Amino acid sequence: MTDEEELQSLRDLCEHVRQRSLSKLPALLEQLEENLTKLGVKVHWAETPTEACQIIHDIITAKNGKLMVKGKSMVSEEIELNHYLEAKGIKAVESDLGEFIVQMAGEKPTHIVMPAIHKTKEQVSELFHQNLGTPLTDDVDQLTGFARKALRDIYSTADVGLSGVNFAVAETGTLCLVENEGNGRLSTTVPPVHIAITGIEKVVAKLSDIPPLYSLLPRSAIGQNITTYFNMITGPRRSEELDGPQEMHLVLLDNGRSQAYAEDQMRRTLQCIRCGACMNHCPVYTRIGGAAYGTTYPGPIGEIISPHLLGLDATRDLPTACTMCGACVEVCPVRIPITEQMQRLRVEAQRSPTETVPHPIRGQGASHTFGEQMAWRTFNGIFSGSKTYRAFGWAATKFRNLTPRKQLGWTQNRVPMKPAKKTLHELMAEKMRQKEQA
């Protein structure tokens, strides 16, 4: 978008739309369920990932299904649906090209919009050659054609199609799906049963809320004015219609979202429209990649949403994997104060679990073991006084060669830590002397 003033106005509007929707979330969810039911959609509520997986499994087995084709859905990644279904004897095939690639490689997506961004075309060619028997090539169009040919028959033979949801409109019971490849439309219309799954935060109040969000989402995600496909789904096939699913379900997942919703500051995390812009500009994410985070949602948004989904026990390192540069805040289309959320999570991670104040996050206070607490107290005692600080620095530089080569878990994946040859004070003193001599 070339007009900066227009862009900022659009961001303001979308922020308002998301905040207004969240302020009325319980009522909007009830309205959404009511209108979807009128349209013939069966609505299911899931509090946990296991419950969501069980609901989807029950829907598939009720139809004697054995094959499910999937459009892109980060929530299905969040609940690890593929693993659950495979353990039950049901095959789930990803149809999004990026998801198709990482599924074939036995990996997880490293970006919420571009799942296979960590793969080169040569790696993809080798992967297709090994699994599909296709010739080796570095022509991206040819590789896309190979994937298209492999997937085409899956749609017509699949018993169930699954998709995510970008926005759910409470006013009309409409499910909106944004995509570029057409796989989402095929997954939702060709199989006889369509299952949509989304988090409870994706609901908006009115159909008129969609145009500004749809205008901003592709621009923020991949720099497009508009995506190739925009699907508005309003129920299963009607009697006078020739195509579409005969049966449709919507699974609404909580998984810690209501806990974030209950706390005013944390609630703003739920404004996210999953564009991935924060990842594209984060200096940490762009250097270490998405796999290093170890969670479904990597990057800045993952650092603030994962503690709500998994608890601080399991995500203790995420809030500290941030430089606080604010690049994510600058580009977030709905103006989530990500760095403020990060600071709050760091505070929550250090608080004692025995405090009587409300605990908005699971696992609060579990950040430090007894050994870590003692280590930080020692650190504080040394570095809070200038004399002890200088004495420690002097001793560390003089005896640096005595540093052990194995340092607990640190050296499993890293080189050993070793003090510098000179302290900062010594280096600065040398620099000042050189300046005076010059």
Protein backbone atom coordinates (compact mmCIF):
# COMPACT_ATOMS: atom_id res chain seq x y z
CA MET A 1 0.00 0.00 0.00
CA THR A 2 1.70 3.19 -1.20
CA ASP A 3 -0.41 5.72 0.71
CA GLU A 4 0.92 5.76 4.28
CA GLU A 5 -2.05 7.70 5.61
CA GLU A 6 -4.47 5.21 4.07
CA LEU A 7 -2.50 2.31 5.55
CA GLN A 8 -2.54 3.76 9.05
CA SER A 9 -6.27 4.48 8.81
CA LEU A 10 -6.88 0.90 7.73
CA ARG A 11 -4.79 -0.41 10.63
CA ASP A 12 -6.77 1.77 13.04
CA LEU A 13 -10.03 0.42 11.65
CA CYS A 14 -8.94 -3.21 11.83
CA GLU A 15 -7.64 -2.76 15.38
CA HIS A 16 -11.03 -1.33 16.32
CA VAL A 17 -12.87 -4.21 14.63
CA ARG A 18 -10.84 -6.83 16.47
CA GLN A 19 -11.08 -5.08 19.85
CA ARG A 20 -14.82 -4.56 19.47
CA SER A 21 -15.30 -8.22 18.55
CA LEU A 22 -13.26 -9.40 21.53
CA SER A 23 -15.15 -7.11 23.91
CA LYS A 24 -18.36 -8.98 23.00
CA LEU A 25 -16.80 -12.40 22.38
CA PRO A 26 -19.11 -14.61 24.52
CA ALA A 27 -22.25 -13.09 22.98
CA LEU A 28 -20.82 -13.27 19.46
CA LEU A 29 -19.91 -16.93 19.87
CA GLU A 30 -23.47 -17.73 20.92
CA GLN A 31 -24.82 -15.75 17.96
CA LEU A 32 -22.42 -17.55 15.62
CA GLU A 33 -23.54 -20.96 16.88
CA GLU A 34 -27.20 -20.02 16.54
CA ASN A 35 -26.85 -18.80 12.94
CA LEU A 36 -24.64 -21.70 11.88
CA THR A 37 -27.15 -24.17 13.31
CA LYS A 38 -29.90 -22.51 11.27
CA LEU A 39 -27.76 -23.01 8.17
CA GLY A 40 -27.38 -26.72 8.89
CA VAL A 41 -23.86 -26.61 10.33
CA LYS A 42 -23.16 -28.72 13.41
CA VAL A 43 -21.15 -26.73 15.96
CA HIS A 44 -18.82 -28.47 18.42
CA TRP A 45 -17.00 -26.90 21.39
CA ALA A 46 -13.59 -28.19 22.45
CA GLU A 47 -11.75 -27.05 25.55
CA THR A 48 -8.53 -28.99 24.96
CA PRO A 49 -6.57 -30.29 21.94
CA THR A 50 -7.40 -33.88 22.85
CA GLU A 51 -11.10 -33.07 22.97
CA ALA A 52 -10.91 -31.37 19.55
CA CYS A 53 -9.09 -34.36 18.05
CA GLN A 54 -11.65 -36.75 19.51
CA ILE A 55 -14.54 -34.73 18.06
CA ILE A 56 -12.99 -34.77 14.58
CA HIS A 57 -12.20 -38.48 14.87
CA ASP A 58 -15.79 -39.25 15.86
CA ILE A 59 -17.14 -37.29 12.87
CA ILE A 60 -14.88 -39.20 10.47
CA THR A 61 -15.57 -42.65 11.94
CA ALA A 62 -19.32 -41.98 11.91
CA LYS A 63 -18.98 -41.84 8.11
CA ASN A 64 -16.62 -44.83 8.01
CA GLY A 65 -13.98 -42.47 6.70
CA LYS A 66 -10.35 -43.47 6.18
CA LEU A 67 -8.96 -40.54 4.18
CA MET A 68 -9.05 -36.84 5.02
CA VAL A 69 -7.71 -34.05 2.81
CA LYS A 70 -6.67 -30.90 4.64
CA GLY A 71 -6.57 -27.28 3.64
CA LYS A 72 -4.23 -25.04 5.59
CA SER A 73 -5.02 -24.89 9.30
CA MET A 74 -2.63 -23.77 12.02
CA VAL A 75 -5.14 -24.86 14.66
CA SER A 76 -4.91 -28.43 13.36
CA GLU A 77 -1.14 -28.14 13.82
CA GLU A 78 -1.73 -26.76 17.31
CA ILE A 79 -3.73 -29.83 18.36
CA GLU A 80 -1.41 -32.24 16.44
CA LEU A 81 -4.40 -33.64 14.58
CA ASN A 82 -2.41 -35.57 11.96
CA HIS A 83 -0.57 -37.65 14.56
CA TYR A 84 -3.81 -38.34 16.43
CA LEU A 85 -5.65 -39.54 13.33
CA GLU A 86 -2.74 -41.61 12.04
CA ALA A 87 -2.63 -43.43 15.37
CA LYS A 88 -6.32 -44.23 14.84
CA GLY A 89 -5.77 -45.57 11.32
CA ILE A 90 -7.01 -42.50 9.43
CA LYS A 91 -4.79 -40.94 6.77
CA ALA A 92 -4.61 -37.13 6.69
CA VAL A 93 -3.10 -35.52 3.58
CA GLU A 94 -2.03 -31.87 3.55
CA SER A 95 -3.05 -30.09 0.34
CA ASP A 96 -1.42 -26.70 0.92
CA LEU A 97 1.84 -26.89 -1.05
CA GLY A 98 4.03 -25.80 1.86
CA GLU A 99 2.26 -28.10 4.30
CA PHE A 100 2.44 -30.92 1.72
CA ILE A 101 6.22 -30.49 1.57
CA VAL A 102 6.83 -30.44 5.33
CA GLN A 103 4.46 -33.37 5.88
CA MET A 104 6.38 -35.38 3.29
CA ALA A 105 9.65 -34.43 5.01
CA GLY A 106 8.27 -35.43 8.43
CA GLU A 107 8.80 -31.90 9.74
CA LYS A 108 6.68 -29.13 11.23
CA PRO A 109 5.88 -25.76 9.64
CA THR A 110 8.43 -23.05 10.45
CA HIS A 111 6.21 -20.10 9.48
CA ILE A 112 2.47 -19.65 9.90
CA VAL A 113 1.96 -18.40 6.33
CA MET A 114 4.87 -20.06 4.49
CA PRO A 115 5.27 -23.47 6.16
CA ALA A 116 8.21 -24.63 4.03
CA ILE A 117 10.13 -21.36 3.94
CA HIS A 118 13.18 -23.18 5.31
CA LYS A 119 13.35 -25.48 2.27
CA THR A 120 15.27 -24.76 -0.95
CA LYS A 121 13.88 -25.79 -4.33
CA GLU A 122 16.69 -28.32 -4.62
CA GLN A 123 15.66 -29.92 -1.33
CA VAL A 124 12.03 -30.03 -2.45
CA SER A 125 13.05 -31.60 -5.77
CA GLU A 126 15.00 -34.32 -3.95
CA LEU A 127 12.05 -34.89 -1.60
CA PHE A 128 9.60 -35.29 -4.49
CA HIS A 129 12.06 -37.52 -6.34
CA GLN A 130 12.32 -39.88 -3.35
CA ASN A 131 8.61 -39.93 -2.47
CA LEU A 132 6.79 -39.34 -5.76
CA GLY A 133 9.32 -40.73 -8.21
CA THR A 134 9.49 -37.45 -10.14
CA PRO A 135 12.60 -36.34 -12.05
CA LEU A 136 15.04 -33.97 -10.36
CA THR A 137 14.57 -30.35 -11.40
CA ASP A 138 15.06 -26.87 -9.99
CA ASP A 139 12.12 -25.49 -12.00
CA VAL A 140 9.58 -24.30 -9.42
CA ASP A 141 6.66 -24.48 -11.88
CA GLN A 142 7.47 -28.12 -12.60
CA LEU A 143 7.70 -28.92 -8.90
CA THR A 144 4.31 -27.29 -8.34
CA GLY A 145 2.91 -29.38 -11.18
CA PHE A 146 4.22 -32.58 -9.59
CA ALA A 147 2.47 -31.71 -6.32
CA ARG A 148 -0.74 -30.77 -8.16
CA LYS A 149 -0.81 -34.10 -9.98
CA ALA A 150 -0.19 -36.05 -6.77
CA LEU A 151 -2.95 -34.22 -4.92
CA ARG A 152 -5.62 -34.05 -7.60
CA ASP A 153 -6.98 -37.56 -7.08
CA ILE A 154 -6.96 -37.15 -3.30
CA TYR A 155 -9.80 -34.62 -3.41
CA SER A 156 -12.17 -36.92 -5.28
CA THR A 157 -11.41 -39.95 -3.10
CA ALA A 158 -11.27 -38.23 0.32
CA ASP A 159 -14.07 -39.03 2.74
CA VAL A 160 -13.67 -35.77 4.65
CA GLY A 161 -12.20 -32.35 3.94
CA LEU A 162 -10.83 -30.14 6.70
CA SER A 163 -10.05 -26.42 6.66
CA GLY A 164 -9.13 -23.61 8.96
CA VAL A 165 -11.08 -20.36 9.30
CA ASN A 166 -9.67 -16.86 8.90
CA PHE A 167 -12.79 -15.09 10.13
CA ALA A 168 -16.19 -16.30 11.36
CA VAL A 169 -19.07 -13.82 11.02
CA ALA A 170 -21.54 -14.03 13.90
CA GLU A 171 -24.21 -11.95 12.13
CA THR A 172 -24.62 -14.34 9.19
CA GLY A 173 -22.90 -17.57 10.23
CA THR A 174 -20.38 -17.14 7.41
CA LEU A 175 -16.94 -18.76 7.55
CA CYS A 176 -14.29 -16.85 5.58
CA LEU A 177 -11.26 -18.58 4.14
CA VAL A 178 -8.35 -16.73 2.50
CA GLU A 179 -6.00 -18.64 0.16
CA ASN A 180 -3.92 -18.50 -3.01
CA GLU A 181 -3.72 -22.10 -4.22
CA GLY A 182 -7.35 -23.18 -4.52
CA ASN A 183 -6.73 -26.19 -2.28
CA GLY A 184 -8.92 -24.69 0.42
CA ARG A 185 -11.87 -24.44 -1.93
CA LEU A 186 -11.37 -28.01 -3.15
CA SER A 187 -10.99 -29.33 0.41
CA THR A 188 -14.22 -27.66 1.50
CA THR A 189 -16.41 -28.46 -1.51
CA VAL A 190 -15.41 -31.80 -3.09
CA PRO A 191 -15.45 -34.29 -0.15
CA PRO A 192 -18.93 -35.17 1.15
CA VAL A 193 -18.12 -33.90 4.66
CA HIS A 194 -16.45 -30.59 5.52
CA ILE A 195 -14.97 -29.97 8.97
CA ALA A 196 -13.81 -26.44 9.79
CA ILE A 197 -11.72 -25.82 12.89
CA THR A 198 -10.75 -22.51 14.46
CA GLY A 199 -9.92 -20.81 17.73
CA ILE A 200 -12.74 -19.03 19.53
CA GLU A 201 -11.07 -15.64 18.96
CA LYS A 202 -11.59 -15.61 15.16
CA VAL A 203 -15.21 -14.42 15.35
CA VAL A 204 -16.22 -10.92 14.17
CA ALA A 205 -19.56 -9.23 14.68
CA LYS A 206 -20.76 -8.21 11.21
CA LEU A 207 -20.20 -9.00 7.57
CA SER A 208 -19.18 -5.36 7.09
CA ASP A 209 -16.17 -6.05 9.34
CA ILE A 210 -14.68 -8.38 6.73
CA PRO A 211 -13.66 -5.98 3.88
CA PRO A 212 -11.11 -3.97 5.92
CA LEU A 213 -9.66 -7.14 7.47
CA TYR A 214 -9.49 -8.85 4.09
CA SER A 215 -7.87 -5.77 2.59
CA LEU A 216 -5.16 -5.68 5.26
CA LEU A 217 -4.46 -9.41 5.77
CA PRO A 218 -2.88 -10.28 2.37
CA ARG A 219 -0.92 -7.03 2.30
CA SER A 220 0.57 -7.76 5.71
CA ALA A 221 1.12 -11.46 5.04
CA ILE A 222 2.66 -11.59 1.55
CA GLY A 223 2.42 -8.09 0.06
CA GLN A 224 -0.55 -8.87 -2.21
CA ASN A 225 -3.45 -6.48 -2.71
CA ILE A 226 -5.80 -9.44 -2.76
CA THR A 227 -5.45 -13.21 -2.61
CA THR A 228 -6.37 -15.45 -5.55
CA TYR A 229 -9.28 -17.00 -3.67
CA PHE A 230 -11.57 -15.68 -0.96
CA ASN A 231 -14.15 -18.22 0.18
CA MET A 232 -17.31 -17.33 2.08
CA ILE A 233 -18.88 -20.54 3.33
CA THR A 234 -22.48 -20.47 4.54
CA GLY A 235 -23.39 -24.06 5.26
CA PRO A 236 -23.53 -27.44 3.50
CA ARG A 237 -25.02 -28.08 0.06
CA ARG A 238 -28.66 -27.08 -0.27
CA SER A 239 -31.25 -29.17 -2.11
CA GLU A 240 -31.16 -26.99 -5.22
CA GLU A 241 -27.34 -26.89 -5.40
CA LEU A 242 -25.20 -29.24 -7.48
CA ASP A 243 -21.96 -29.20 -5.52
CA GLY A 244 -20.58 -28.64 -2.05
CA PRO A 245 -20.39 -30.90 1.02
CA GLN A 246 -23.47 -32.80 2.11
CA GLU A 247 -22.54 -32.30 5.75
CA MET A 248 -20.62 -29.56 7.55
CA HIS A 249 -19.16 -29.17 11.04
CA LEU A 250 -17.38 -26.37 12.90
CA VAL A 251 -15.07 -27.13 15.83
CA LEU A 252 -14.44 -24.13 18.10
CA LEU A 253 -11.28 -24.58 20.18
CA ASP A 254 -10.48 -22.88 23.48
CA ASN A 255 -7.11 -24.34 24.58
CA GLY A 256 -6.18 -21.50 26.93
CA ARG A 257 -7.74 -18.69 24.90
CA SER A 258 -10.49 -18.00 27.43
CA GLN A 259 -7.79 -17.69 30.07
CA ALA A 260 -6.09 -14.97 28.03
CA TYR A 261 -9.48 -13.37 27.36
CA ALA A 262 -10.24 -13.11 31.08
CA GLU A 263 -7.31 -10.72 31.67
CA ASP A 264 -7.60 -7.27 30.06
CA GLN A 265 -3.96 -6.82 29.05
CA MET A 266 -3.48 -10.39 27.85
CA ARG A 267 -6.70 -10.22 25.84
CA ARG A 268 -5.01 -8.11 23.18
CA THR A 269 -2.99 -11.17 22.16
CA LEU A 270 -6.22 -12.57 20.72
CA GLN A 271 -6.46 -9.69 18.20
CA CYS A 272 -3.97 -11.54 15.97
CA ILE A 273 -5.12 -12.25 12.40
CA ARG A 274 -2.23 -14.69 11.71
CA CYS A 275 -0.53 -12.69 8.96
CA GLY A 276 3.05 -13.50 10.02
CA ALA A 277 4.31 -9.93 9.50
CA CYS A 278 5.90 -9.87 12.96
CA MET A 279 8.00 -12.93 12.05
CA ASN A 280 9.18 -11.43 8.77
CA HIS A 281 10.62 -8.40 10.59
CA CYS A 282 11.85 -10.03 13.82
CA PRO A 283 15.69 -10.05 14.04
CA VAL A 284 15.57 -13.16 16.23
CA TYR A 285 13.21 -15.20 14.03
CA THR A 286 14.98 -14.27 10.79
CA ARG A 287 18.26 -15.56 12.21
CA ILE A 288 17.25 -18.72 14.06
CA GLY A 289 14.20 -19.81 12.05
CA GLY A 290 10.87 -21.14 13.24
CA ALA A 291 11.94 -24.64 14.30
CA ALA A 292 14.09 -23.26 17.13
CA TYR A 293 11.01 -22.06 19.03
CA GLY A 294 9.69 -25.59 19.47
CA THR A 295 6.05 -24.48 19.33
CA THR A 296 3.30 -24.38 16.70
CA TYR A 297 3.40 -20.59 16.52
CA PRO A 298 6.97 -19.27 16.21
CA GLY A 299 8.25 -15.70 16.19
CA PRO A 300 6.92 -12.77 18.25
CA ILE A 301 3.26 -13.81 18.12
CA GLY A 302 4.23 -17.32 19.18
CA GLU A 303 6.19 -15.95 22.12
CA ILE A 304 3.10 -14.24 23.53
CA ILE A 305 0.39 -16.73 22.56
CA SER A 306 2.12 -20.04 23.32
CA PRO A 307 2.28 -19.44 27.11
CA HIS A 308 -1.53 -19.25 27.09
CA LEU A 309 -1.88 -22.42 25.03
CA LEU A 310 0.82 -24.50 26.73
CA GLY A 311 1.44 -22.74 30.05
CA LEU A 312 4.62 -21.03 31.24
CA ASP A 313 6.03 -24.34 32.47
CA ALA A 314 6.49 -25.49 28.89
CA THR A 315 7.34 -22.10 27.37
CA ARG A 316 9.61 -20.59 29.99
CA ASP A 317 12.25 -19.44 27.47
CA LEU A 318 9.97 -17.86 24.88
CA PRO A 319 9.33 -14.43 26.46
CA THR A 320 13.09 -13.91 26.76
CA ALA A 321 13.77 -14.76 23.09
CA CYS A 322 13.20 -11.13 22.19
CA THR A 323 15.45 -8.09 21.74
CA MET A 324 12.60 -5.66 22.53
CA CYS A 325 13.47 -3.75 19.34
CA GLY A 326 9.78 -3.16 18.62
CA ALA A 327 9.93 -4.08 14.91
CA CYS A 328 7.00 -6.46 15.40
CA VAL A 329 4.88 -3.71 16.96
CA GLU A 330 5.58 -1.36 14.06
CA VAL A 331 4.34 -3.83 11.43
CA CYS A 332 1.49 -5.57 13.28
CA PRO A 333 -1.62 -4.74 11.22
CA VAL A 334 -3.92 -4.77 14.27
CA ARG A 335 -1.43 -3.00 16.55
CA ILE A 336 -0.91 -5.69 19.20
CA PRO A 337 1.55 -4.27 21.80
CA ILE A 338 3.75 -7.35 21.51
CA THR A 339 6.72 -6.00 23.50
CA GLU A 340 4.43 -4.95 26.37
CA GLN A 341 2.93 -8.45 26.37
CA MET A 342 6.44 -9.89 26.39
CA GLN A 343 7.41 -7.80 29.43
CA ARG A 344 4.26 -8.87 31.26
CA LEU A 345 4.99 -12.54 30.55
CA ARG A 346 8.53 -12.15 31.88
CA VAL A 347 7.13 -10.71 35.10
CA GLU A 348 4.57 -13.50 35.39
CA ALA A 349 7.29 -16.10 34.87
CA GLN A 350 9.23 -14.86 37.89
CA ARG A 351 6.37 -14.49 40.36
CA SER A 352 5.88 -16.98 43.13
CA PRO A 353 3.05 -19.48 42.57
CA THR A 354 2.03 -18.98 46.21
CA GLU A 355 1.04 -15.33 45.72
CA THR A 356 -2.65 -14.67 46.28
CA VAL A 357 -3.09 -12.40 43.24
CA PRO A 358 -4.96 -13.85 40.23
CA HIS A 359 -2.88 -16.06 37.94
CA PRO A 360 -3.80 -15.29 34.31
CA ILE A 361 -1.36 -17.84 32.89
CA ARG A 362 -0.94 -21.54 33.61
CA GLY A 363 2.41 -22.43 35.12
CA GLN A 364 3.04 -19.01 36.62
CA GLY A 365 6.07 -18.86 38.88
CA ALA A 366 7.62 -22.05 37.51
CA SER A 367 10.47 -20.29 35.74
CA HIS A 368 13.27 -20.85 38.28
CA THR A 369 14.46 -23.97 40.04
CA PHE A 370 16.09 -23.68 43.48
CA GLY A 371 19.54 -23.87 41.89
CA GLU A 372 18.68 -21.09 39.46
CA GLN A 373 17.34 -18.91 42.27
CA MET A 374 20.59 -19.33 44.22
CA ALA A 375 22.62 -18.58 41.09
CA TRP A 376 20.73 -15.34 40.47
CA ARG A 377 21.12 -14.28 44.11
CA THR A 378 24.86 -14.85 43.83
CA PHE A 379 24.92 -12.88 40.58
CA ASN A 380 23.04 -10.03 42.26
CA GLY A 381 25.44 -10.01 45.21
CA ILE A 382 28.50 -9.79 42.94
CA PHE A 383 27.27 -7.31 40.36
CA SER A 384 25.38 -4.90 42.63
CA GLY A 385 28.61 -3.47 44.11
CA SER A 386 31.47 -1.91 42.13
CA LYS A 387 34.21 -3.48 44.28
CA THR A 388 32.84 -7.03 44.07
CA TYR A 389 32.15 -6.54 40.36
CA ARG A 390 35.73 -5.46 39.62
CA ALA A 391 37.16 -8.22 41.81
CA PHE A 392 35.07 -10.86 40.07
CA GLY A 393 36.08 -9.52 36.64
CA TRP A 394 39.76 -9.57 37.58
CA ALA A 395 39.53 -13.16 38.88
CA ALA A 396 37.57 -14.34 35.85
CA THR A 397 40.15 -13.02 33.38
CA LYS A 398 43.16 -14.31 35.34
CA PHE A 399 41.79 -17.82 35.76
CA ARG A 400 39.88 -18.08 32.47
CA ASN A 401 41.85 -21.15 31.38
CA LEU A 402 40.44 -23.09 34.33
CA THR A 403 36.91 -22.85 32.90
CA PRO A 404 35.49 -26.41 32.62
CA ARG A 405 34.91 -27.69 29.09
CA LYS A 406 31.62 -29.35 30.03
CA GLN A 407 29.05 -26.95 31.47
CA LEU A 408 25.91 -28.97 32.21
CA GLY A 409 23.32 -28.64 29.42
CA TRP A 410 24.97 -25.60 27.85
CA THR A 411 27.68 -27.52 26.00
CA GLN A 412 25.31 -30.12 24.54
CA ASN A 413 24.64 -27.78 21.62
CA ARG A 414 27.04 -24.87 22.20
CA VAL A 415 30.73 -24.17 22.67
CA PRO A 416 31.87 -23.72 26.31
CA MET A 417 31.57 -20.26 27.82
CA LYS A 418 34.90 -18.65 28.65
CA PRO A 419 35.66 -15.23 30.19
CA ALA A 420 37.35 -12.63 27.99
CA LYS A 421 41.09 -12.04 28.24
CA LYS A 422 40.52 -8.53 29.56
CA THR A 423 37.70 -6.87 31.47
CA LEU A 424 35.68 -4.02 30.00
CA HIS A 425 37.37 -1.58 32.39
CA GLU A 426 40.81 -2.70 31.19
CA LEU A 427 39.81 -2.39 27.54
CA MET A 428 38.38 1.09 28.06
CA ALA A 429 41.49 2.18 29.96
CA GLU A 430 43.68 1.00 27.07
CA LYS A 431 41.49 2.84 24.60
CA MET A 432 41.74 6.06 26.59
CA ARG A 433 45.55 5.76 26.78
CA GLN A 434 45.76 5.23 23.02
CA LYS A 435 43.58 8.28 22.50
CA GLU A 436 45.79 10.43 24.74
CA GLN A 437 48.96 9.25 22.99
CA ALA A 438 47.48 10.02 19.59
